[in-house]
Amino acid sequence: MSRSVRVAPEHFAQVKLAIKRSGFPSQQALATELGFVRSTVSNFVNGKPVDYFTFVEICEKLGLDWQKIVDTKQTDKETSMSESKLPVAVILTAIKEETEAVLYHLGGATNTENEEGYFCK
């Protein structure tokens, strides 16, 4: 299963009703109660992808069975994007460049690699 999941379109009304039924006057009130930003709850309610654990936590708070309302259909684009893998070398290079930029910005050393190419103090 993908890390991000969403509410199936046929369950949007059920989710909105569950928010009211659970005593939350607004999406903001639910977000505040859970410690999320409003946009996370809005994405959940409107069927946009949210983190799996966030999805389950919101469902539990609303008394919804997450397995019944999750959208199990992914588009071809979403499936192909979730299955694509970047080479490890590309990921490590990006991490290295970002780390060097942060260290430079914070006034740290600009050369932070040892002879094996690993970051060190």
PDB file of N, CA and C in Angstrom:
ATOM      1  N   MET A   1       0.838  -1.182   0.000  1.00  0.00           N
ATOM      2  CA  MET A   1       0.000   0.000   0.000  1.00  0.00           C
ATOM      3  C   MET A   1       0.878   1.239   0.000  1.00  0.00           C
ATOM      4  N   SER A   2       0.416   2.221  -0.724  1.00  0.00           N
ATOM      5  CA  SER A   2       1.112   3.501  -0.795  1.00  0.00           C
ATOM      6  C   SER A   2       1.104   4.202   0.555  1.00  0.00           C
ATOM      7  N   ARG A   3       2.079   5.079   0.797  1.00  0.00           N
ATOM      8  CA  ARG A   3       2.129   5.852   2.040  1.00  0.00           C
ATOM      9  C   ARG A   3       0.978   6.837   2.117  1.00  0.00           C
ATOM     10  N   SER A   4       0.507   7.325   0.980  1.00  0.00           N
ATOM     11  CA  SER A   4      -0.609   8.266   0.964  1.00  0.00           C
ATOM     12  C   SER A   4      -1.877   7.559   0.512  1.00  0.00           C
ATOM     13  N   VAL A   5      -2.962   7.867   1.189  1.00  0.00           N
ATOM     14  CA  VAL A   5      -4.266   7.304   0.836  1.00  0.00           C
ATOM     15  C   VAL A   5      -5.291   8.420   0.854  1.00  0.00           C
ATOM     16  N   ARG A   6      -6.458   8.144   0.322  1.00  0.00           N
ATOM     17  CA  ARG A   6      -7.507   9.167   0.279  1.00  0.00           C
ATOM     18  C   ARG A   6      -8.872   8.534   0.422  1.00  0.00           C
ATOM     19  N   VAL A   7      -9.830   9.386   0.774  1.00  0.00           N
ATOM     20  CA  VAL A   7     -11.225   8.962   0.897  1.00  0.00           C
ATOM     21  C   VAL A   7     -11.781   8.736  -0.504  1.00  0.00           C
ATOM     22  N   ALA A   8     -12.500   7.644  -0.684  1.00  0.00           N
ATOM     23  CA  ALA A   8     -13.160   7.365  -1.952  1.00  0.00           C
ATOM     24  C   ALA A   8     -14.291   8.368  -2.163  1.00  0.00           C
ATOM     25  N   PRO A   9     -14.482   8.837  -3.394  1.00  0.00           N
ATOM     26  CA  PRO A   9     -15.502   9.859  -3.668  1.00  0.00           C
ATOM     27  C   PRO A   9     -16.901   9.506  -3.166  1.00  0.00           C
ATOM     28  N   GLU A  10     -17.257   8.257  -3.185  1.00  0.00           N
ATOM     29  CA  GLU A  10     -18.599   7.865  -2.742  1.00  0.00           C
ATOM     30  C   GLU A  10     -18.784   8.001  -1.228  1.00  0.00           C
ATOM     31  N   HIS A  11     -17.716   8.311  -0.505  1.00  0.00           N
ATOM     32  CA  HIS A  11     -17.797   8.448   0.949  1.00  0.00           C
ATOM     33  C   HIS A  11     -17.625   9.886   1.444  1.00  0.00           C
ATOM     34  N   PHE A  12     -17.524  10.855   0.538  1.00  0.00           N
ATOM     35  CA  PHE A  12     -17.340  12.253   0.945  1.00  0.00           C
ATOM     36  C   PHE A  12     -18.460  12.721   1.877  1.00  0.00           C
ATOM     37  N   ALA A  13     -19.699  12.444   1.510  1.00  0.00           N
ATOM     38  CA  ALA A  13     -20.838  12.887   2.325  1.00  0.00           C
ATOM     39  C   ALA A  13     -20.807  12.231   3.701  1.00  0.00           C
ATOM     40  N   GLN A  14     -20.455  10.959   3.747  1.00  0.00           N
ATOM     41  CA  GLN A  14     -20.373  10.237   5.020  1.00  0.00           C
ATOM     42  C   GLN A  14     -19.317  10.870   5.935  1.00  0.00           C
ATOM     43  N   VAL A  15     -18.187  11.262   5.371  1.00  0.00           N
ATOM     44  CA  VAL A  15     -17.115  11.887   6.153  1.00  0.00           C
ATOM     45  C   VAL A  15     -17.580  13.234   6.703  1.00  0.00           C
ATOM     46  N   LYS A  16     -18.213  14.040   5.856  1.00  0.00           N
ATOM     47  CA  LYS A  16     -18.687  15.358   6.299  1.00  0.00           C
ATOM     48  C   LYS A  16     -19.737  15.217   7.406  1.00  0.00           C
ATOM     49  N   LEU A  17     -20.602  14.243   7.282  1.00  0.00           N
ATOM     50  CA  LEU A  17     -21.603  13.988   8.308  1.00  0.00           C
ATOM     51  C   LEU A  17     -20.940  13.528   9.612  1.00  0.00           C
ATOM     52  N   ALA A  18     -19.901  12.711   9.508  1.00  0.00           N
ATOM     53  CA  ALA A  18     -19.203  12.212  10.697  1.00  0.00           C
ATOM     54  C   ALA A  18     -18.534  13.345  11.469  1.00  0.00           C
ATOM     55  N   ILE A  19     -18.058  14.354  10.764  1.00  0.00           N
ATOM     56  CA  ILE A  19     -17.441  15.510  11.436  1.00  0.00           C
ATOM     57  C   ILE A  19     -18.480  16.202  12.306  1.00  0.00           C
ATOM     58  N   LYS A  20     -19.641  16.462  11.740  1.00  0.00           N
ATOM     59  CA  LYS A  20     -20.714  17.125  12.502  1.00  0.00           C
ATOM     60  C   LYS A  20     -21.222  16.224  13.626  1.00  0.00           C
ATOM     61  N   ARG A  21     -21.428  14.952  13.321  1.00  0.00           N
ATOM     62  CA  ARG A  21     -21.933  13.994  14.300  1.00  0.00           C
ATOM     63  C   ARG A  21     -20.987  13.858  15.499  1.00  0.00           C
ATOM     64  N   SER A  22     -19.693  14.031  15.246  1.00  0.00           N
ATOM     65  CA  SER A  22     -18.696  13.905  16.306  1.00  0.00           C
ATOM     66  C   SER A  22     -18.541  15.187  17.119  1.00  0.00           C
ATOM     67  N   GLY A  23     -19.355  16.191  16.797  1.00  0.00           N
ATOM     68  CA  GLY A  23     -19.361  17.415  17.591  1.00  0.00           C
ATOM     69  C   GLY A  23     -18.363  18.474  17.164  1.00  0.00           C
ATOM     70  N   PHE A  24     -17.794  18.322  15.992  1.00  0.00           N
ATOM     71  CA  PHE A  24     -16.860  19.327  15.500  1.00  0.00           C
ATOM     72  C   PHE A  24     -17.609  20.316  14.617  1.00  0.00           C
ATOM     73  N   PRO A  25     -17.623  21.599  14.996  1.00  0.00           N
ATOM     74  CA  PRO A  25     -18.356  22.584  14.207  1.00  0.00           C
ATOM     75  C   PRO A  25     -17.688  22.916  12.873  1.00  0.00           C
ATOM     76  N   SER A  26     -16.421  22.547  12.745  1.00  0.00           N
ATOM     77  CA  SER A  26     -15.698  22.883  11.516  1.00  0.00           C
ATOM     78  C   SER A  26     -14.517  21.933  11.332  1.00  0.00           C
ATOM     79  N   GLN A  27     -13.951  21.973  10.132  1.00  0.00           N
ATOM     80  CA  GLN A  27     -12.742  21.202   9.861  1.00  0.00           C
ATOM     81  C   GLN A  27     -11.595  21.717  10.732  1.00  0.00           C
ATOM     82  N   GLN A  28     -11.568  23.028  10.961  1.00  0.00           N
ATOM     83  CA  GLN A  28     -10.525  23.615  11.800  1.00  0.00           C
ATOM     84  C   GLN A  28     -10.584  23.051  13.222  1.00  0.00           C
ATOM     85  N   ALA A  29     -11.788  22.897  13.751  1.00  0.00           N
ATOM     86  CA  ALA A  29     -11.938  22.351  15.108  1.00  0.00           C
ATOM     87  C   ALA A  29     -11.401  20.920  15.181  1.00  0.00           C
ATOM     88  N   LEU A  30     -11.695  20.126  14.168  1.00  0.00           N
ATOM     89  CA  LEU A  30     -11.179  18.756  14.122  1.00  0.00           C
ATOM     90  C   LEU A  30      -9.664  18.766  13.997  1.00  0.00           C
ATOM     91  N   ALA A  31      -9.143  19.618  13.134  1.00  0.00           N
ATOM     92  CA  ALA A  31      -7.692  19.710  12.945  1.00  0.00           C
ATOM     93  C   ALA A  31      -7.005  20.102  14.245  1.00  0.00           C
ATOM     94  N   THR A  32      -7.563  21.088  14.943  1.00  0.00           N
ATOM     95  CA  THR A  32      -6.985  21.539  16.211  1.00  0.00           C
ATOM     96  C   THR A  32      -6.980  20.416  17.233  1.00  0.00           C
ATOM     97  N   GLU A  33      -8.070  19.695  17.318  1.00  0.00           N
ATOM     98  CA  GLU A  33      -8.191  18.577  18.273  1.00  0.00           C
ATOM     99  C   GLU A  33      -7.122  17.512  18.020  1.00  0.00           C
ATOM    100  N   LEU A  34      -6.828  17.267  16.743  1.00  0.00           N
ATOM    101  CA  LEU A  34      -5.864  16.222  16.387  1.00  0.00           C
ATOM    102  C   LEU A  34      -4.427  16.733  16.311  1.00  0.00           C
ATOM    103  N   GLY A  35      -4.254  18.055  16.356  1.00  0.00           N
ATOM    104  CA  GLY A  35      -2.912  18.623  16.239  1.00  0.00           C
ATOM    105  C   GLY A  35      -2.432  18.723  14.807  1.00  0.00           C
ATOM    106  N   PHE A  36      -3.378  18.809  13.855  1.00  0.00           N
ATOM    107  CA  PHE A  36      -3.052  18.953  12.436  1.00  0.00           C
ATOM    108  C   PHE A  36      -3.368  20.373  11.985  1.00  0.00           C
ATOM    109  N   VAL A  37      -2.857  20.738  10.820  1.00  0.00           N
ATOM    110  CA  VAL A  37      -3.275  21.995  10.206  1.00  0.00           C
ATOM    111  C   VAL A  37      -4.591  21.741   9.472  1.00  0.00           C
ATOM    112  N   ARG A  38      -5.365  22.803   9.266  1.00  0.00           N
ATOM    113  CA  ARG A  38      -6.673  22.654   8.641  1.00  0.00           C
ATOM    114  C   ARG A  38      -6.575  22.048   7.247  1.00  0.00           C
ATOM    115  N   SER A  39      -5.520  22.388   6.513  1.00  0.00           N
ATOM    116  CA  SER A  39      -5.396  21.879   5.144  1.00  0.00           C
ATOM    117  C   SER A  39      -5.299  20.352   5.106  1.00  0.00           C
ATOM    118  N   THR A  40      -4.734  19.745   6.140  1.00  0.00           N
ATOM    119  CA  THR A  40      -4.662  18.276   6.188  1.00  0.00           C
ATOM    120  C   THR A  40      -6.059  17.684   6.281  1.00  0.00           C
ATOM    121  N   VAL A  41      -6.884  18.254   7.165  1.00  0.00           N
ATOM    122  CA  VAL A  41      -8.259  17.764   7.306  1.00  0.00           C
ATOM    123  C   VAL A  41      -9.050  18.062   6.036  1.00  0.00           C
ATOM    124  N   SER A  42      -8.849  19.234   5.456  1.00  0.00           N
ATOM    125  CA  SER A  42      -9.532  19.589   4.212  1.00  0.00           C
ATOM    126  C   SER A  42      -9.170  18.605   3.099  1.00  0.00           C
ATOM    127  N   ASN A  43      -7.899  18.268   2.990  1.00  0.00           N
ATOM    128  CA  ASN A  43      -7.480  17.287   1.980  1.00  0.00           C
ATOM    129  C   ASN A  43      -8.159  15.945   2.223  1.00  0.00           C
ATOM    130  N   PHE A  44      -8.211  15.519   3.469  1.00  0.00           N
ATOM    131  CA  PHE A  44      -8.874  14.263   3.829  1.00  0.00           C
ATOM    132  C   PHE A  44     -10.337  14.291   3.397  1.00  0.00           C
ATOM    133  N   VAL A  45     -11.055  15.358   3.793  1.00  0.00           N
ATOM    134  CA  VAL A  45     -12.488  15.475   3.514  1.00  0.00           C
ATOM    135  C   VAL A  45     -12.776  15.523   2.020  1.00  0.00           C
ATOM    136  N   ASN A  46     -11.884  16.146   1.261  1.00  0.00           N
ATOM    137  CA  ASN A  46     -12.111  16.344  -0.172  1.00  0.00           C
ATOM    138  C   ASN A  46     -11.461  15.290  -1.060  1.00  0.00           C
ATOM    139  N   GLY A  47     -10.998  14.207  -0.441  1.00  0.00           N
ATOM    140  CA  GLY A  47     -10.485  13.094  -1.231  1.00  0.00           C
ATOM    141  C   GLY A  47      -9.111  13.301  -1.815  1.00  0.00           C
ATOM    142  N   LYS A  48      -8.346  14.213  -1.238  1.00  0.00           N
ATOM    143  CA  LYS A  48      -6.963  14.382  -1.687  1.00  0.00           C
ATOM    144  C   LYS A  48      -6.076  13.503  -0.817  1.00  0.00           C
ATOM    145  N   PRO A  49      -4.946  13.054  -1.352  1.00  0.00           N
ATOM    146  CA  PRO A  49      -4.091  12.134  -0.590  1.00  0.00           C
ATOM    147  C   PRO A  49      -3.558  12.753   0.704  1.00  0.00           C
ATOM    148  N   VAL A  50      -3.589  11.955   1.754  1.00  0.00           N
ATOM    149  CA  VAL A  50      -2.967  12.303   3.034  1.00  0.00           C
ATOM    150  C   VAL A  50      -2.153  11.094   3.487  1.00  0.00           C
ATOM    151  N   ASP A  51      -1.228  11.318   4.395  1.00  0.00           N
ATOM    152  CA  ASP A  51      -0.411  10.245   4.937  1.00  0.00           C
ATOM    153  C   ASP A  51      -1.302   9.144   5.522  1.00  0.00           C
ATOM    154  N   TYR A  52      -0.899   7.914   5.319  1.00  0.00           N
ATOM    155  CA  TYR A  52      -1.671   6.756   5.797  1.00  0.00           C
ATOM    156  C   TYR A  52      -2.007   6.858   7.285  1.00  0.00           C
ATOM    157  N   PHE A  53      -1.001   7.160   8.115  1.00  0.00           N
ATOM    158  CA  PHE A  53      -1.235   7.211   9.562  1.00  0.00           C
ATOM    159  C   PHE A  53      -2.171   8.360   9.927  1.00  0.00           C
ATOM    160  N   THR A  54      -2.061   9.470   9.218  1.00  0.00           N
ATOM    161  CA  THR A  54      -2.973  10.599   9.416  1.00  0.00           C
ATOM    162  C   THR A  54      -4.392  10.185   9.060  1.00  0.00           C
ATOM    163  N   PHE A  55      -4.542   9.493   7.951  1.00  0.00           N
ATOM    164  CA  PHE A  55      -5.840   9.008   7.487  1.00  0.00           C
ATOM    165  C   PHE A  55      -6.500   8.147   8.552  1.00  0.00           C
ATOM    166  N   VAL A  56      -5.748   7.195   9.082  1.00  0.00           N
ATOM    167  CA  VAL A  56      -6.281   6.283  10.096  1.00  0.00           C
ATOM    168  C   VAL A  56      -6.652   7.049  11.361  1.00  0.00           C
ATOM    169  N   GLU A  57      -5.805   7.999  11.772  1.00  0.00           N
ATOM    170  CA  GLU A  57      -6.075   8.763  12.993  1.00  0.00           C
ATOM    171  C   GLU A  57      -7.349   9.606  12.863  1.00  0.00           C
ATOM    172  N   ILE A  58      -7.531  10.235  11.721  1.00  0.00           N
ATOM    173  CA  ILE A  58      -8.750  11.027  11.505  1.00  0.00           C
ATOM    174  C   ILE A  58      -9.970  10.113  11.523  1.00  0.00           C
ATOM    175  N   CYS A  59      -9.875   8.977  10.844  1.00  0.00           N
ATOM    176  CA  CYS A  59     -10.995   8.031  10.825  1.00  0.00           C
ATOM    177  C   CYS A  59     -11.357   7.570  12.226  1.00  0.00           C
ATOM    178  N   GLU A  60     -10.353   7.247  13.021  1.00  0.00           N
ATOM    179  CA  GLU A  60     -10.621   6.797  14.389  1.00  0.00           C
ATOM    180  C   GLU A  60     -11.317   7.891  15.191  1.00  0.00           C
ATOM    181  N   LYS A  61     -10.876   9.127  15.040  1.00  0.00           N
ATOM    182  CA  LYS A  61     -11.474  10.245  15.773  1.00  0.00           C
ATOM    183  C   LYS A  61     -12.937  10.434  15.381  1.00  0.00           C
ATOM    184  N   LEU A  62     -13.243  10.156  14.113  1.00  0.00           N
ATOM    185  CA  LEU A  62     -14.605  10.344  13.610  1.00  0.00           C
ATOM    186  C   LEU A  62     -15.457   9.081  13.718  1.00  0.00           C
ATOM    187  N   GLY A  63     -14.894   8.008  14.226  1.00  0.00           N
ATOM    188  CA  GLY A  63     -15.643   6.763  14.345  1.00  0.00           C
ATOM    189  C   GLY A  63     -15.917   6.102  13.007  1.00  0.00           C
ATOM    190  N   LEU A  64     -15.023   6.307  12.058  1.00  0.00           N
ATOM    191  CA  LEU A  64     -15.175   5.722  10.728  1.00  0.00           C
ATOM    192  C   LEU A  64     -14.231   4.534  10.572  1.00  0.00           C
ATOM    193  N   ASP A  65     -14.676   3.528   9.845  1.00  0.00           N
ATOM    194  CA  ASP A  65     -13.826   2.388   9.525  1.00  0.00           C
ATOM    195  C   ASP A  65     -12.997   2.770   8.305  1.00  0.00           C
ATOM    196  N   TRP A  66     -11.709   3.029   8.514  1.00  0.00           N
ATOM    197  CA  TRP A  66     -10.874   3.534   7.427  1.00  0.00           C
ATOM    198  C   TRP A  66     -10.835   2.574   6.246  1.00  0.00           C
ATOM    199  N   GLN A  67     -10.915   1.271   6.497  1.00  0.00           N
ATOM    200  CA  GLN A  67     -10.846   0.294   5.410  1.00  0.00           C
ATOM    201  C   GLN A  67     -12.075   0.341   4.505  1.00  0.00           C
ATOM    202  N   LYS A  68     -13.186   0.854   5.042  1.00  0.00           N
ATOM    203  CA  LYS A  68     -14.407   0.945   4.235  1.00  0.00           C
ATOM    204  C   LYS A  68     -14.469   2.217   3.401  1.00  0.00           C
ATOM    205  N   ILE A  69     -13.756   3.267   3.824  1.00  0.00           N
ATOM    206  CA  ILE A  69     -13.868   4.538   3.095  1.00  0.00           C
ATOM    207  C   ILE A  69     -12.638   4.879   2.260  1.00  0.00           C
ATOM    208  N   VAL A  70     -11.567   4.089   2.387  1.00  0.00           N
ATOM    209  CA  VAL A  70     -10.345   4.374   1.632  1.00  0.00           C
ATOM    210  C   VAL A  70     -10.570   4.110   0.145  1.00  0.00           C
ATOM    211  N   ASP A  71      -9.990   4.958  -0.681  1.00  0.00           N
ATOM    212  CA  ASP A  71     -10.079   4.794  -2.131  1.00  0.00           C
ATOM    213  C   ASP A  71      -9.030   3.775  -2.546  1.00  0.00           C
ATOM    214  N   THR A  72      -9.492   2.626  -2.986  1.00  0.00           N
ATOM    215  CA  THR A  72      -8.569   1.554  -3.368  1.00  0.00           C
ATOM    216  C   THR A  72      -8.180   1.612  -4.838  1.00  0.00           C
ATOM    217  N   LYS A  73      -8.752   2.552  -5.565  1.00  0.00           N
ATOM    218  CA  LYS A  73      -8.442   2.686  -6.989  1.00  0.00           C
ATOM    219  C   LYS A  73      -7.443   3.821  -7.182  1.00  0.00           C
ATOM    220  N   GLN A  74      -6.284   3.513  -7.758  1.00  0.00           N
ATOM    221  CA  GLN A  74      -5.296   4.536  -8.081  1.00  0.00           C
ATOM    222  C   GLN A  74      -5.295   4.735  -9.590  1.00  0.00           C
ATOM    223  N   THR A  75      -5.034   5.966  -9.994  1.00  0.00           N
ATOM    224  CA  THR A  75      -4.915   6.205 -11.428  1.00  0.00           C
ATOM    225  C   THR A  75      -3.600   5.627 -11.917  1.00  0.00           C
ATOM    226  N   ASP A  76      -3.479   5.448 -13.214  1.00  0.00           N
ATOM    227  CA  ASP A  76      -2.238   4.920 -13.782  1.00  0.00           C
ATOM    228  C   ASP A  76      -1.061   5.829 -13.450  1.00  0.00           C
ATOM    229  N   LYS A  77      -1.276   7.153 -13.501  1.00  0.00           N
ATOM    230  CA  LYS A  77      -0.210   8.101 -13.205  1.00  0.00           C
ATOM    231  C   LYS A  77       0.264   7.931 -11.764  1.00  0.00           C
ATOM    232  N   GLU A  78      -0.656   7.810 -10.815  1.00  0.00           N
ATOM    233  CA  GLU A  78      -0.280   7.647  -9.414  1.00  0.00           C
ATOM    234  C   GLU A  78       0.456   6.339  -9.203  1.00  0.00           C
ATOM    235  N   THR A  79      -0.014   5.276  -9.846  1.00  0.00           N
ATOM    236  CA  THR A  79       0.634   3.981  -9.700  1.00  0.00           C
ATOM    237  C   THR A  79       2.044   4.025 -10.256  1.00  0.00           C
ATOM    238  N   SER A  80       2.214   4.583 -11.449  1.00  0.00           N
ATOM    239  CA  SER A  80       3.543   4.608 -12.044  1.00  0.00           C
ATOM    240  C   SER A  80       4.481   5.497 -11.248  1.00  0.00           C
ATOM    241  N   MET A  81       3.981   6.603 -10.698  1.00  0.00           N
ATOM    242  CA  MET A  81       4.827   7.485  -9.901  1.00  0.00           C
ATOM    243  C   MET A  81       5.230   6.818  -8.603  1.00  0.00           C
ATOM    244  N   SER A  82       4.318   6.081  -7.968  1.00  0.00           N
ATOM    245  CA  SER A  82       4.649   5.446  -6.695  1.00  0.00           C
ATOM    246  C   SER A  82       5.590   4.267  -6.891  1.00  0.00           C
ATOM    247  N   GLU A  83       5.590   3.699  -8.083  1.00  0.00           N
ATOM    248  CA  GLU A  83       6.449   2.559  -8.338  1.00  0.00           C
ATOM    249  C   GLU A  83       7.810   2.963  -8.884  1.00  0.00           C
ATOM    250  N   SER A  84       7.969   4.219  -9.315  1.00  0.00           N
ATOM    251  CA  SER A  84       9.247   4.641  -9.863  1.00  0.00           C
ATOM    252  C   SER A  84      10.258   4.789  -8.734  1.00  0.00           C
ATOM    253  N   LYS A  85      11.460   4.372  -9.003  1.00  0.00           N
ATOM    254  CA  LYS A  85      12.526   4.420  -8.006  1.00  0.00           C
ATOM    255  C   LYS A  85      13.682   5.242  -8.565  1.00  0.00           C
ATOM    256  N   LEU A  86      14.198   6.153  -7.746  1.00  0.00           N
ATOM    257  CA  LEU A  86      15.393   6.890  -8.125  1.00  0.00           C
ATOM    258  C   LEU A  86      16.603   6.061  -7.742  1.00  0.00           C
ATOM    259  N   PRO A  87      17.654   6.128  -8.552  1.00  0.00           N
ATOM    260  CA  PRO A  87      18.874   5.426  -8.165  1.00  0.00           C
ATOM    261  C   PRO A  87      19.408   5.990  -6.843  1.00  0.00           C
ATOM    262  N   VAL A  88      19.967   5.132  -6.033  1.00  0.00           N
ATOM    263  CA  VAL A  88      20.479   5.533  -4.727  1.00  0.00           C
ATOM    264  C   VAL A  88      21.513   6.643  -4.879  1.00  0.00           C
ATOM    265  N   ALA A  89      22.362   6.567  -5.896  1.00  0.00           N
ATOM    266  CA  ALA A  89      23.391   7.591  -6.104  1.00  0.00           C
ATOM    267  C   ALA A  89      22.778   8.971  -6.294  1.00  0.00           C
ATOM    268  N   VAL A  90      21.646   9.045  -6.993  1.00  0.00           N
ATOM    269  CA  VAL A  90      20.970  10.326  -7.212  1.00  0.00           C
ATOM    270  C   VAL A  90      20.436  10.872  -5.888  1.00  0.00           C
ATOM    271  N   ILE A  91      19.862  10.003  -5.088  1.00  0.00           N
ATOM    272  CA  ILE A  91      19.320  10.411  -3.789  1.00  0.00           C
ATOM    273  C   ILE A  91      20.446  10.890  -2.875  1.00  0.00           C
ATOM    274  N   LEU A  92      21.539  10.130  -2.819  1.00  0.00           N
ATOM    275  CA  LEU A  92      22.655  10.507  -1.955  1.00  0.00           C
ATOM    276  C   LEU A  92      23.290  11.822  -2.393  1.00  0.00           C
ATOM    277  N   THR A  93      23.398  12.035  -3.704  1.00  0.00           N
ATOM    278  CA  THR A  93      23.945  13.300  -4.198  1.00  0.00           C
ATOM    279  C   THR A  93      23.057  14.461  -3.786  1.00  0.00           C
ATOM    280  N   ALA A  94      21.761  14.296  -3.897  1.00  0.00           N
ATOM    281  CA  ALA A  94      20.828  15.358  -3.500  1.00  0.00           C
ATOM    282  C   ALA A  94      20.937  15.654  -2.009  1.00  0.00           C
ATOM    283  N   ILE A  95      21.046  14.610  -1.191  1.00  0.00           N
ATOM    284  CA  ILE A  95      21.193  14.791   0.259  1.00  0.00           C
ATOM    285  C   ILE A  95      22.496  15.526   0.559  1.00  0.00           C
ATOM    286  N   LYS A  96      23.566  15.120  -0.097  1.00  0.00           N
ATOM    287  CA  LYS A  96      24.882  15.750   0.109  1.00  0.00           C
ATOM    288  C   LYS A  96      24.822  17.229  -0.237  1.00  0.00           C
ATOM    289  N   GLU A  97      24.262  17.554  -1.398  1.00  0.00           N
ATOM    290  CA  GLU A  97      24.203  18.953  -1.826  1.00  0.00           C
ATOM    291  C   GLU A  97      23.346  19.788  -0.880  1.00  0.00           C
ATOM    292  N   GLU A  98      22.233  19.246  -0.452  1.00  0.00           N
ATOM    293  CA  GLU A  98      21.351  19.981   0.465  1.00  0.00           C
ATOM    294  C   GLU A  98      22.019  20.182   1.822  1.00  0.00           C
ATOM    295  N   THR A  99      22.695  19.153   2.301  1.00  0.00           N
ATOM    296  CA  THR A  99      23.382  19.250   3.590  1.00  0.00           C
ATOM    297  C   THR A  99      24.498  20.285   3.527  1.00  0.00           C
ATOM    298  N   GLU A 100      25.265  20.288   2.452  1.00  0.00           N
ATOM    299  CA  GLU A 100      26.330  21.274   2.302  1.00  0.00           C
ATOM    300  C   GLU A 100      25.758  22.689   2.279  1.00  0.00           C
ATOM    301  N   ALA A 101      24.643  22.868   1.606  1.00  0.00           N
ATOM    302  CA  ALA A 101      24.026  24.192   1.528  1.00  0.00           C
ATOM    303  C   ALA A 101      23.565  24.653   2.910  1.00  0.00           C
ATOM    304  N   VAL A 102      22.980  23.745   3.675  1.00  0.00           N
ATOM    305  CA  VAL A 102      22.513  24.092   5.017  1.00  0.00           C
ATOM    306  C   VAL A 102      23.702  24.430   5.918  1.00  0.00           C
ATOM    307  N   LEU A 103      24.737  23.605   5.873  1.00  0.00           N
ATOM    308  CA  LEU A 103      25.927  23.862   6.693  1.00  0.00           C
ATOM    309  C   LEU A 103      26.567  25.206   6.328  1.00  0.00           C
ATOM    310  N   TYR A 104      26.650  25.494   5.041  1.00  0.00           N
ATOM    311  CA  TYR A 104      27.219  26.762   4.604  1.00  0.00           C
ATOM    312  C   TYR A 104      26.379  27.926   5.120  1.00  0.00           C
ATOM    313  N   HIS A 105      25.067  27.786   4.999  1.00  0.00           N
ATOM    314  CA  HIS A 105      24.153  28.837   5.462  1.00  0.00           C
ATOM    315  C   HIS A 105      24.282  29.072   6.969  1.00  0.00           C
ATOM    316  N   LEU A 106      24.533  28.010   7.710  1.00  0.00           N
ATOM    317  CA  LEU A 106      24.657  28.122   9.158  1.00  0.00           C
ATOM    318  C   LEU A 106      26.064  28.532   9.602  1.00  0.00           C
ATOM    319  N   GLY A 107      26.946  28.760   8.636  1.00  0.00           N
ATOM    320  CA  GLY A 107      28.294  29.200   8.962  1.00  0.00           C
ATOM    321  C   GLY A 107      29.252  28.066   9.229  1.00  0.00           C
ATOM    322  N   GLY A 108      28.866  26.847   8.880  1.00  0.00           N
ATOM    323  CA  GLY A 108      29.723  25.685   9.103  1.00  0.00           C
ATOM    324  C   GLY A 108      30.724  25.517   7.981  1.00  0.00           C
ATOM    325  N   ALA A 109      31.475  24.451   8.058  1.00  0.00           N
ATOM    326  CA  ALA A 109      32.496  24.158   7.061  1.00  0.00           C
ATOM    327  C   ALA A 109      31.846  23.851   5.723  1.00  0.00           C
ATOM    328  N   THR A 110      32.548  24.209   4.653  1.00  0.00           N
ATOM    329  CA  THR A 110      32.033  23.901   3.322  1.00  0.00           C
ATOM    330  C   THR A 110      32.511  22.536   2.847  1.00  0.00           C
ATOM    331  N   ASN A 111      33.605  22.022   3.402  1.00  0.00           N
ATOM    332  CA  ASN A 111      34.100  20.701   3.043  1.00  0.00           C
ATOM    333  C   ASN A 111      33.809  19.754   4.201  1.00  0.00           C
ATOM    334  N   THR A 112      32.812  18.938   4.045  1.00  0.00           N
ATOM    335  CA  THR A 112      32.345  18.108   5.156  1.00  0.00           C
ATOM    336  C   THR A 112      32.454  16.611   4.885  1.00  0.00           C
ATOM    337  N   GLU A 113      33.273  16.232   3.884  1.00  0.00           N
ATOM    338  CA  GLU A 113      33.402  14.813   3.569  1.00  0.00           C
ATOM    339  C   GLU A 113      34.741  14.275   4.044  1.00  0.00           C
ATOM    340  N   ASN A 114      34.731  12.995   4.454  1.00  0.00           N
ATOM    341  CA  ASN A 114      36.001  12.334   4.716  1.00  0.00           C
ATOM    342  C   ASN A 114      36.458  11.672   3.419  1.00  0.00           C
ATOM    343  N   GLU A 115      37.564  10.926   3.463  1.00  0.00           N
ATOM    344  CA  GLU A 115      38.123  10.362   2.228  1.00  0.00           C
ATOM    345  C   GLU A 115      37.214   9.337   1.552  1.00  0.00           C
ATOM    346  N   GLU A 116      36.276   8.743   2.304  1.00  0.00           N
ATOM    347  CA  GLU A 116      35.338   7.787   1.698  1.00  0.00           C
ATOM    348  C   GLU A 116      34.104   8.457   1.117  1.00  0.00           C
ATOM    349  N   GLY A 117      33.998   9.783   1.286  1.00  0.00           N
ATOM    350  CA  GLY A 117      32.852  10.490   0.761  1.00  0.00           C
ATOM    351  C   GLY A 117      31.693  10.601   1.732  1.00  0.00           C
ATOM    352  N   TYR A 118      31.930  10.261   3.019  1.00  0.00           N
ATOM    353  CA  TYR A 118      30.894  10.363   4.016  1.00  0.00           C
ATOM    354  C   TYR A 118      31.009  11.689   4.765  1.00  0.00           C
ATOM    355  N   PHE A 119      29.894  12.186   5.229  1.00  0.00           N
ATOM    356  CA  PHE A 119      29.910  13.418   6.002  1.00  0.00           C
ATOM    357  C   PHE A 119      30.470  13.163   7.388  1.00  0.00           C
ATOM    358  N   CYS A 120      31.249  14.100   7.866  1.00  0.00           N
ATOM    359  CA  CYS A 120      31.813  13.980   9.196  1.00  0.00           C
ATOM    360  C   CYS A 120      31.947  15.365   9.812  1.00  0.00           C
ATOM    361  N   LYS A 121      32.234  15.406  11.100  1.00  0.00           N
ATOM    362  CA  LYS A 121      32.413  16.692  11.784  1.00  0.00           C
ATOM    363  C   LYS A 121      33.753  17.288  11.473  1.00  0.00           C
TER     364      LYS A 121
END
